[in-house]
Amino acid sequence: MIYENDLIYIEKEEAQVPWLKIFTKEIYKEFSDCPLELQKELFEKILLCEKAMIEFYKPEKINIASFANYVPRVHFHVMARFKEDAFFP
């Protein structure tokens, strides 16, 4: 875990690309189920992670995703993408 507060926590995913996962502490199935304060906190941290990754890694693109198929709870992925990475495009 690289960050935690009362509402969320952020983990670094071990992968070929810089990849962060942002989770709600309380489990919600859908983003719309989250209280407004939590929705705002999630988007603030997504933007913070995106900006920090752009500044530090200088990627071709940042991907932000929330599928929740394998982990059926609200969480977001923020990934720095590069032309030479195995997942690009």
PDB file of N, CA and C in Angstrom:
ATOM      1  N   MET A   1       0.851  -1.165   0.000  1.00  0.00           N
ATOM      2  CA  MET A   1       0.000   0.000   0.000  1.00  0.00           C
ATOM      3  C   MET A   1       0.906   1.240   0.000  1.00  0.00           C
ATOM      4  N   ILE A   2       0.572   2.194  -0.869  1.00  0.00           N
ATOM      5  CA  ILE A   2       1.399   3.401  -0.939  1.00  0.00           C
ATOM      6  C   ILE A   2       0.699   4.635  -0.367  1.00  0.00           C
ATOM      7  N   TYR A   3      -0.620   4.535  -0.158  1.00  0.00           N
ATOM      8  CA  TYR A   3      -1.358   5.663   0.417  1.00  0.00           C
ATOM      9  C   TYR A   3      -2.637   5.132   1.039  1.00  0.00           C
ATOM     10  N   GLU A   4      -3.067   5.804   2.124  1.00  0.00           N
ATOM     11  CA  GLU A   4      -4.315   5.421   2.782  1.00  0.00           C
ATOM     12  C   GLU A   4      -4.866   6.621   3.534  1.00  0.00           C
ATOM     13  N   ASN A   5      -6.192   6.774   3.497  1.00  0.00           N
ATOM     14  CA  ASN A   5      -6.872   7.726   4.372  1.00  0.00           C
ATOM     15  C   ASN A   5      -8.148   7.058   4.874  1.00  0.00           C
ATOM     16  N   ASP A   6      -9.067   7.807   5.422  1.00  0.00           N
ATOM     17  CA  ASP A   6     -10.277   7.208   5.994  1.00  0.00           C
ATOM     18  C   ASP A   6     -11.213   6.608   4.952  1.00  0.00           C
ATOM     19  N   LEU A   7     -11.101   7.036   3.688  1.00  0.00           N
ATOM     20  CA  LEU A   7     -12.047   6.626   2.650  1.00  0.00           C
ATOM     21  C   LEU A   7     -11.482   5.646   1.625  1.00  0.00           C
ATOM     22  N   ILE A   8     -10.211   5.794   1.308  1.00  0.00           N
ATOM     23  CA  ILE A   8      -9.630   5.011   0.207  1.00  0.00           C
ATOM     24  C   ILE A   8      -8.221   4.533   0.565  1.00  0.00           C
ATOM     25  N   TYR A   9      -7.719   3.610  -0.262  1.00  0.00           N
ATOM     26  CA  TYR A   9      -6.297   3.263  -0.202  1.00  0.00           C
ATOM     27  C   TYR A   9      -5.808   3.005  -1.619  1.00  0.00           C
ATOM     28  N   ILE A  10      -4.503   3.197  -1.818  1.00  0.00           N
ATOM     29  CA  ILE A  10      -3.898   3.052  -3.140  1.00  0.00           C
ATOM     30  C   ILE A  10      -2.793   2.008  -3.050  1.00  0.00           C
ATOM     31  N   GLU A  11      -2.810   1.078  -4.007  1.00  0.00           N
ATOM     32  CA  GLU A  11      -1.797   0.029  -4.096  1.00  0.00           C
ATOM     33  C   GLU A  11      -1.057   0.140  -5.418  1.00  0.00           C
ATOM     34  N   LYS A  12       0.187  -0.306  -5.418  1.00  0.00           N
ATOM     35  CA  LYS A  12       0.972  -0.400  -6.649  1.00  0.00           C
ATOM     36  C   LYS A  12       0.847  -1.831  -7.162  1.00  0.00           C
ATOM     37  N   GLU A  13       0.430  -1.978  -8.402  1.00  0.00           N
ATOM     38  CA  GLU A  13       0.336  -3.288  -9.045  1.00  0.00           C
ATOM     39  C   GLU A  13       1.699  -3.625  -9.637  1.00  0.00           C
ATOM     40  N   GLU A  14       2.181  -4.825  -9.368  1.00  0.00           N
ATOM     41  CA  GLU A  14       3.440  -5.267  -9.976  1.00  0.00           C
ATOM     42  C   GLU A  14       3.144  -5.667 -11.411  1.00  0.00           C
ATOM     43  N   ALA A  15       3.659  -4.889 -12.348  1.00  0.00           N
ATOM     44  CA  ALA A  15       3.371  -5.116 -13.766  1.00  0.00           C
ATOM     45  C   ALA A  15       4.504  -4.547 -14.611  1.00  0.00           C
ATOM     46  N   GLN A  16       4.408  -4.762 -15.921  1.00  0.00           N
ATOM     47  CA  GLN A  16       5.413  -4.252 -16.854  1.00  0.00           C
ATOM     48  C   GLN A  16       5.303  -2.745 -17.034  1.00  0.00           C
ATOM     49  N   VAL A  17       4.189  -2.170 -16.650  1.00  0.00           N
ATOM     50  CA  VAL A  17       3.977  -0.726 -16.769  1.00  0.00           C
ATOM     51  C   VAL A  17       3.665  -0.158 -15.380  1.00  0.00           C
ATOM     52  N   PRO A  18       3.942   1.122 -15.150  1.00  0.00           N
ATOM     53  CA  PRO A  18       3.533   1.742 -13.885  1.00  0.00           C
ATOM     54  C   PRO A  18       2.004   1.665 -13.745  1.00  0.00           C
ATOM     55  N   TRP A  19       1.534   1.116 -12.636  1.00  0.00           N
ATOM     56  CA  TRP A  19       0.118   0.780 -12.509  1.00  0.00           C
ATOM     57  C   TRP A  19      -0.296   0.934 -11.054  1.00  0.00           C
ATOM     58  N   LEU A  20      -1.266   1.797 -10.803  1.00  0.00           N
ATOM     59  CA  LEU A  20      -1.804   1.996  -9.466  1.00  0.00           C
ATOM     60  C   LEU A  20      -3.263   1.564  -9.431  1.00  0.00           C
ATOM     61  N   LYS A  21      -3.693   1.057  -8.269  1.00  0.00           N
ATOM     62  CA  LYS A  21      -5.088   0.675  -8.062  1.00  0.00           C
ATOM     63  C   LYS A  21      -5.615   1.448  -6.857  1.00  0.00           C
ATOM     64  N   ILE A  22      -6.768   2.065  -7.031  1.00  0.00           N
ATOM     65  CA  ILE A  22      -7.379   2.875  -5.981  1.00  0.00           C
ATOM     66  C   ILE A  22      -8.667   2.186  -5.535  1.00  0.00           C
ATOM     67  N   PHE A  23      -8.735   1.831  -4.258  1.00  0.00           N
ATOM     68  CA  PHE A  23      -9.879   1.107  -3.704  1.00  0.00           C
ATOM     69  C   PHE A  23     -10.610   1.950  -2.667  1.00  0.00           C
ATOM     70  N   THR A  24     -11.917   1.747  -2.571  1.00  0.00           N
ATOM     71  CA  THR A  24     -12.675   2.311  -1.461  1.00  0.00           C
ATOM     72  C   THR A  24     -12.472   1.399  -0.257  1.00  0.00           C
ATOM     73  N   LYS A  25     -12.398   1.974   0.933  1.00  0.00           N
ATOM     74  CA  LYS A  25     -12.245   1.142   2.133  1.00  0.00           C
ATOM     75  C   LYS A  25     -13.524   0.354   2.403  1.00  0.00           C
ATOM     76  N   GLU A  26     -14.645   1.041   2.299  1.00  0.00           N
ATOM     77  CA  GLU A  26     -15.927   0.354   2.439  1.00  0.00           C
ATOM     78  C   GLU A  26     -16.281  -0.225   1.073  1.00  0.00           C
ATOM     79  N   ILE A  27     -16.841  -1.397   1.052  1.00  0.00           N
ATOM     80  CA  ILE A  27     -17.131  -2.063  -0.220  1.00  0.00           C
ATOM     81  C   ILE A  27     -18.465  -1.588  -0.783  1.00  0.00           C
ATOM     82  N   TYR A  28     -18.400  -1.139  -2.042  1.00  0.00           N
ATOM     83  CA  TYR A  28     -19.583  -0.750  -2.810  1.00  0.00           C
ATOM     84  C   TYR A  28     -19.526  -1.492  -4.133  1.00  0.00           C
ATOM     85  N   LYS A  29     -20.672  -1.945  -4.599  1.00  0.00           N
ATOM     86  CA  LYS A  29     -20.715  -2.678  -5.866  1.00  0.00           C
ATOM     87  C   LYS A  29     -20.582  -1.739  -7.055  1.00  0.00           C
ATOM     88  N   GLU A  30     -21.257  -0.602  -7.010  1.00  0.00           N
ATOM     89  CA  GLU A  30     -21.258   0.348  -8.127  1.00  0.00           C
ATOM     90  C   GLU A  30     -20.787   1.717  -7.648  1.00  0.00           C
ATOM     91  N   PHE A  31     -20.182   2.471  -8.559  1.00  0.00           N
ATOM     92  CA  PHE A  31     -19.716   3.819  -8.236  1.00  0.00           C
ATOM     93  C   PHE A  31     -20.878   4.689  -7.756  1.00  0.00           C
ATOM     94  N   SER A  32     -22.038   4.528  -8.358  1.00  0.00           N
ATOM     95  CA  SER A  32     -23.214   5.323  -7.980  1.00  0.00           C
ATOM     96  C   SER A  32     -23.708   4.998  -6.568  1.00  0.00           C
ATOM     97  N   ASP A  33     -23.282   3.876  -5.999  1.00  0.00           N
ATOM     98  CA  ASP A  33     -23.629   3.525  -4.621  1.00  0.00           C
ATOM     99  C   ASP A  33     -22.787   4.295  -3.602  1.00  0.00           C
ATOM    100  N   CYS A  34     -21.669   4.833  -4.031  1.00  0.00           N
ATOM    101  CA  CYS A  34     -20.751   5.544  -3.132  1.00  0.00           C
ATOM    102  C   CYS A  34     -21.341   6.893  -2.725  1.00  0.00           C
ATOM    103  N   PRO A  35     -21.151   7.291  -1.477  1.00  0.00           N
ATOM    104  CA  PRO A  35     -21.565   8.634  -1.066  1.00  0.00           C
ATOM    105  C   PRO A  35     -20.803   9.692  -1.870  1.00  0.00           C
ATOM    106  N   LEU A  36     -21.395  10.852  -2.002  1.00  0.00           N
ATOM    107  CA  LEU A  36     -20.808  11.929  -2.801  1.00  0.00           C
ATOM    108  C   LEU A  36     -19.389  12.283  -2.342  1.00  0.00           C
ATOM    109  N   GLU A  37     -19.168  12.341  -1.047  1.00  0.00           N
ATOM    110  CA  GLU A  37     -17.832  12.648  -0.518  1.00  0.00           C
ATOM    111  C   GLU A  37     -16.797  11.639  -1.025  1.00  0.00           C
ATOM    112  N   LEU A  38     -17.171  10.380  -1.059  1.00  0.00           N
ATOM    113  CA  LEU A  38     -16.269   9.327  -1.537  1.00  0.00           C
ATOM    114  C   LEU A  38     -16.053   9.434  -3.046  1.00  0.00           C
ATOM    115  N   GLN A  39     -17.103   9.728  -3.785  1.00  0.00           N
ATOM    116  CA  GLN A  39     -16.960   9.921  -5.237  1.00  0.00           C
ATOM    117  C   GLN A  39     -15.952  11.032  -5.526  1.00  0.00           C
ATOM    118  N   LYS A  40     -16.075  12.136  -4.808  1.00  0.00           N
ATOM    119  CA  LYS A  40     -15.147  13.264  -4.991  1.00  0.00           C
ATOM    120  C   LYS A  40     -13.721  12.860  -4.630  1.00  0.00           C
ATOM    121  N   GLU A  41     -13.572  12.145  -3.526  1.00  0.00           N
ATOM    122  CA  GLU A  41     -12.244  11.699  -3.088  1.00  0.00           C
ATOM    123  C   GLU A  41     -11.603  10.784  -4.131  1.00  0.00           C
ATOM    124  N   LEU A  42     -12.385   9.887  -4.688  1.00  0.00           N
ATOM    125  CA  LEU A  42     -11.859   8.989  -5.724  1.00  0.00           C
ATOM    126  C   LEU A  42     -11.355   9.772  -6.929  1.00  0.00           C
ATOM    127  N   PHE A  43     -12.158  10.698  -7.415  1.00  0.00           N
ATOM    128  CA  PHE A  43     -11.741  11.456  -8.596  1.00  0.00           C
ATOM    129  C   PHE A  43     -10.555  12.370  -8.299  1.00  0.00           C
ATOM    130  N   GLU A  44     -10.500  12.931  -7.103  1.00  0.00           N
ATOM    131  CA  GLU A  44      -9.332  13.742  -6.739  1.00  0.00           C
ATOM    132  C   GLU A  44      -8.062  12.897  -6.758  1.00  0.00           C
ATOM    133  N   LYS A  45      -8.136  11.691  -6.215  1.00  0.00           N
ATOM    134  CA  LYS A  45      -6.951  10.833  -6.173  1.00  0.00           C
ATOM    135  C   LYS A  45      -6.616  10.272  -7.554  1.00  0.00           C
ATOM    136  N   ILE A  46      -7.610   9.989  -8.375  1.00  0.00           N
ATOM    137  CA  ILE A  46      -7.341   9.552  -9.752  1.00  0.00           C
ATOM    138  C   ILE A  46      -6.576  10.647 -10.486  1.00  0.00           C
ATOM    139  N   LEU A  47      -7.041  11.881 -10.375  1.00  0.00           N
ATOM    140  CA  LEU A  47      -6.354  13.006 -11.031  1.00  0.00           C
ATOM    141  C   LEU A  47      -4.948  13.208 -10.478  1.00  0.00           C
ATOM    142  N   LEU A  48      -4.798  13.100  -9.176  1.00  0.00           N
ATOM    143  CA  LEU A  48      -3.482  13.243  -8.559  1.00  0.00           C
ATOM    144  C   LEU A  48      -2.518  12.177  -9.079  1.00  0.00           C
ATOM    145  N   CYS A  49      -2.980  10.932  -9.130  1.00  0.00           N
ATOM    146  CA  CYS A  49      -2.140   9.837  -9.639  1.00  0.00           C
ATOM    147  C   CYS A  49      -1.790  10.058 -11.102  1.00  0.00           C
ATOM    148  N   GLU A  50      -2.774  10.446 -11.899  1.00  0.00           N
ATOM    149  CA  GLU A  50      -2.526  10.687 -13.326  1.00  0.00           C
ATOM    150  C   GLU A  50      -1.468  11.771 -13.519  1.00  0.00           C
ATOM    151  N   LYS A  51      -1.636  12.895 -12.851  1.00  0.00           N
ATOM    152  CA  LYS A  51      -0.688  14.006 -13.009  1.00  0.00           C
ATOM    153  C   LYS A  51       0.714  13.622 -12.545  1.00  0.00           C
ATOM    154  N   ALA A  52       0.812  12.905 -11.431  1.00  0.00           N
ATOM    155  CA  ALA A  52       2.119  12.483 -10.923  1.00  0.00           C
ATOM    156  C   ALA A  52       2.790  11.506 -11.885  1.00  0.00           C
ATOM    157  N   MET A  53       2.015  10.591 -12.451  1.00  0.00           N
ATOM    158  CA  MET A  53       2.580   9.614 -13.388  1.00  0.00           C
ATOM    159  C   MET A  53       3.035  10.294 -14.681  1.00  0.00           C
ATOM    160  N   ILE A  54       2.269  11.264 -15.159  1.00  0.00           N
ATOM    161  CA  ILE A  54       2.670  12.004 -16.366  1.00  0.00           C
ATOM    162  C   ILE A  54       3.981  12.740 -16.106  1.00  0.00           C
ATOM    163  N   GLU A  55       4.062  13.412 -14.973  1.00  0.00           N
ATOM    164  CA  GLU A  55       5.266  14.185 -14.661  1.00  0.00           C
ATOM    165  C   GLU A  55       6.486  13.283 -14.473  1.00  0.00           C
ATOM    166  N   PHE A  56       6.309  12.168 -13.769  1.00  0.00           N
ATOM    167  CA  PHE A  56       7.447  11.309 -13.436  1.00  0.00           C
ATOM    168  C   PHE A  56       7.863  10.395 -14.588  1.00  0.00           C
ATOM    169  N   TYR A  57       6.895   9.720 -15.216  1.00  0.00           N
ATOM    170  CA  TYR A  57       7.205   8.705 -16.233  1.00  0.00           C
ATOM    171  C   TYR A  57       7.227   9.233 -17.662  1.00  0.00           C
ATOM    172  N   LYS A  58       6.568  10.356 -17.919  1.00  0.00           N
ATOM    173  CA  LYS A  58       6.458  10.905 -19.281  1.00  0.00           C
ATOM    174  C   LYS A  58       5.910   9.851 -20.262  1.00  0.00           C
ATOM    175  N   PRO A  59       4.758   9.262 -19.959  1.00  0.00           N
ATOM    176  CA  PRO A  59       4.214   8.197 -20.802  1.00  0.00           C
ATOM    177  C   PRO A  59       3.592   8.728 -22.090  1.00  0.00           C
ATOM    178  N   GLU A  60       3.349   7.813 -22.999  1.00  0.00           N
ATOM    179  CA  GLU A  60       2.624   8.128 -24.231  1.00  0.00           C
ATOM    180  C   GLU A  60       1.166   8.449 -23.900  1.00  0.00           C
ATOM    181  N   LYS A  61       0.619   7.727 -22.915  1.00  0.00           N
ATOM    182  CA  LYS A  61      -0.805   7.839 -22.571  1.00  0.00           C
ATOM    183  C   LYS A  61      -1.010   7.323 -21.153  1.00  0.00           C
ATOM    184  N   ILE A  62      -2.029   7.830 -20.485  1.00  0.00           N
ATOM    185  CA  ILE A  62      -2.474   7.282 -19.199  1.00  0.00           C
ATOM    186  C   ILE A  62      -3.820   6.604 -19.438  1.00  0.00           C
ATOM    187  N   ASN A  63      -3.953   5.368 -18.966  1.00  0.00           N
ATOM    188  CA  ASN A  63      -5.236   4.668 -19.018  1.00  0.00           C
ATOM    189  C   ASN A  63      -5.852   4.677 -17.623  1.00  0.00           C
ATOM    190  N   ILE A  64      -7.137   4.981 -17.559  1.00  0.00           N
ATOM    191  CA  ILE A  64      -7.899   4.918 -16.316  1.00  0.00           C
ATOM    192  C   ILE A  64      -9.058   3.968 -16.572  1.00  0.00           C
ATOM    193  N   ALA A  65      -9.178   2.943 -15.717  1.00  0.00           N
ATOM    194  CA  ALA A  65     -10.195   1.921 -15.958  1.00  0.00           C
ATOM    195  C   ALA A  65     -10.871   1.506 -14.656  1.00  0.00           C
ATOM    196  N   SER A  66     -12.111   1.045 -14.815  1.00  0.00           N
ATOM    197  CA  SER A  66     -12.859   0.476 -13.701  1.00  0.00           C
ATOM    198  C   SER A  66     -13.813  -0.570 -14.256  1.00  0.00           C
ATOM    199  N   PHE A  67     -13.377  -1.814 -14.272  1.00  0.00           N
ATOM    200  CA  PHE A  67     -14.211  -2.887 -14.815  1.00  0.00           C
ATOM    201  C   PHE A  67     -14.929  -3.651 -13.706  1.00  0.00           C
ATOM    202  N   ALA A  68     -14.202  -4.018 -12.672  1.00  0.00           N
ATOM    203  CA  ALA A  68     -14.745  -4.737 -11.509  1.00  0.00           C
ATOM    204  C   ALA A  68     -15.379  -6.068 -11.874  1.00  0.00           C
ATOM    205  N   ASN A  69     -14.833  -6.734 -12.878  1.00  0.00           N
ATOM    206  CA  ASN A  69     -15.319  -8.066 -13.232  1.00  0.00           C
ATOM    207  C   ASN A  69     -14.732  -9.133 -12.313  1.00  0.00           C
ATOM    208  N   TYR A  70     -13.422  -9.095 -12.095  1.00  0.00           N
ATOM    209  CA  TYR A  70     -12.757 -10.078 -11.240  1.00  0.00           C
ATOM    210  C   TYR A  70     -12.839  -9.702  -9.768  1.00  0.00           C
ATOM    211  N   VAL A  71     -12.782  -8.423  -9.498  1.00  0.00           N
ATOM    212  CA  VAL A  71     -12.905  -7.912  -8.130  1.00  0.00           C
ATOM    213  C   VAL A  71     -14.176  -7.061  -8.117  1.00  0.00           C
ATOM    214  N   PRO A  72     -15.323  -7.674  -7.762  1.00  0.00           N
ATOM    215  CA  PRO A  72     -16.624  -6.993  -7.906  1.00  0.00           C
ATOM    216  C   PRO A  72     -16.902  -5.939  -6.838  1.00  0.00           C
ATOM    217  N   ARG A  73     -16.077  -4.920  -6.839  1.00  0.00           N
ATOM    218  CA  ARG A  73     -16.251  -3.786  -5.932  1.00  0.00           C
ATOM    219  C   ARG A  73     -15.663  -2.560  -6.612  1.00  0.00           C
ATOM    220  N   VAL A  74     -16.048  -1.391  -6.149  1.00  0.00           N
ATOM    221  CA  VAL A  74     -15.564  -0.151  -6.748  1.00  0.00           C
ATOM    222  C   VAL A  74     -14.054  -0.035  -6.539  1.00  0.00           C
ATOM    223  N   HIS A  75     -13.344   0.105  -7.645  1.00  0.00           N
ATOM    224  CA  HIS A  75     -11.914   0.406  -7.628  1.00  0.00           C
ATOM    225  C   HIS A  75     -11.514   0.891  -9.012  1.00  0.00           C
ATOM    226  N   PHE A  76     -10.407   1.608  -9.071  1.00  0.00           N
ATOM    227  CA  PHE A  76      -9.934   2.177 -10.332  1.00  0.00           C
ATOM    228  C   PHE A  76      -8.481   1.802 -10.562  1.00  0.00           C
ATOM    229  N   HIS A  77      -8.140   1.637 -11.839  1.00  0.00           N
ATOM    230  CA  HIS A  77      -6.771   1.378 -12.268  1.00  0.00           C
ATOM    231  C   HIS A  77      -6.268   2.626 -12.984  1.00  0.00           C
ATOM    232  N   VAL A  78      -5.052   3.043 -12.667  1.00  0.00           N
ATOM    233  CA  VAL A  78      -4.403   4.156 -13.357  1.00  0.00           C
ATOM    234  C   VAL A  78      -3.067   3.615 -13.855  1.00  0.00           C
ATOM    235  N   MET A  79      -2.908   3.568 -15.188  1.00  0.00           N
ATOM    236  CA  MET A  79      -1.732   2.930 -15.789  1.00  0.00           C
ATOM    237  C   MET A  79      -1.031   3.879 -16.748  1.00  0.00           C
ATOM    238  N   ALA A  80       0.280   3.956 -16.635  1.00  0.00           N
ATOM    239  CA  ALA A  80       1.088   4.720 -17.583  1.00  0.00           C
ATOM    240  C   ALA A  80       1.427   3.790 -18.747  1.00  0.00           C
ATOM    241  N   ARG A  81       1.192   4.267 -19.968  1.00  0.00           N
ATOM    242  CA  ARG A  81       1.388   3.427 -21.156  1.00  0.00           C
ATOM    243  C   ARG A  81       2.461   4.020 -22.052  1.00  0.00           C
ATOM    244  N   PHE A  82       3.227   3.118 -22.668  1.00  0.00           N
ATOM    245  CA  PHE A  82       4.336   3.503 -23.538  1.00  0.00           C
ATOM    246  C   PHE A  82       4.250   2.713 -24.835  1.00  0.00           C
ATOM    247  N   LYS A  83       4.707   3.293 -25.925  1.00  0.00           N
ATOM    248  CA  LYS A  83       4.653   2.606 -27.221  1.00  0.00           C
ATOM    249  C   LYS A  83       5.347   1.254 -27.182  1.00  0.00           C
ATOM    250  N   GLU A  84       6.394   1.135 -26.387  1.00  0.00           N
ATOM    251  CA  GLU A  84       7.152  -0.115 -26.352  1.00  0.00           C
ATOM    252  C   GLU A  84       6.623  -1.132 -25.341  1.00  0.00           C
ATOM    253  N   ASP A  85       5.569  -0.798 -24.579  1.00  0.00           N
ATOM    254  CA  ASP A  85       5.091  -1.777 -23.602  1.00  0.00           C
ATOM    255  C   ASP A  85       4.293  -2.885 -24.277  1.00  0.00           C
ATOM    256  N   ALA A  86       4.244  -4.033 -23.611  1.00  0.00           N
ATOM    257  CA  ALA A  86       3.623  -5.234 -24.180  1.00  0.00           C
ATOM    258  C   ALA A  86       2.116  -5.090 -24.366  1.00  0.00           C
ATOM    259  N   PHE A  87       1.498  -4.148 -23.673  1.00  0.00           N
ATOM    260  CA  PHE A  87       0.048  -3.979 -23.739  1.00  0.00           C
ATOM    261  C   PHE A  87      -0.394  -2.889 -24.705  1.00  0.00           C
ATOM    262  N   PHE A  88       0.557  -2.141 -25.281  1.00  0.00           N
ATOM    263  CA  PHE A  88       0.206  -0.989 -26.124  1.00  0.00           C
ATOM    264  C   PHE A  88      -0.221  -1.458 -27.503  1.00  0.00           C
ATOM    265  N   PRO A  89      -1.220  -0.920 -28.137  1.00  0.00           N
ATOM    266  CA  PRO A  89      -2.144   0.084 -27.646  1.00  0.00           C
ATOM    267  C   PRO A  89      -3.168  -0.563 -26.816  1.00  0.00           C
TER     268      PRO A  89
END
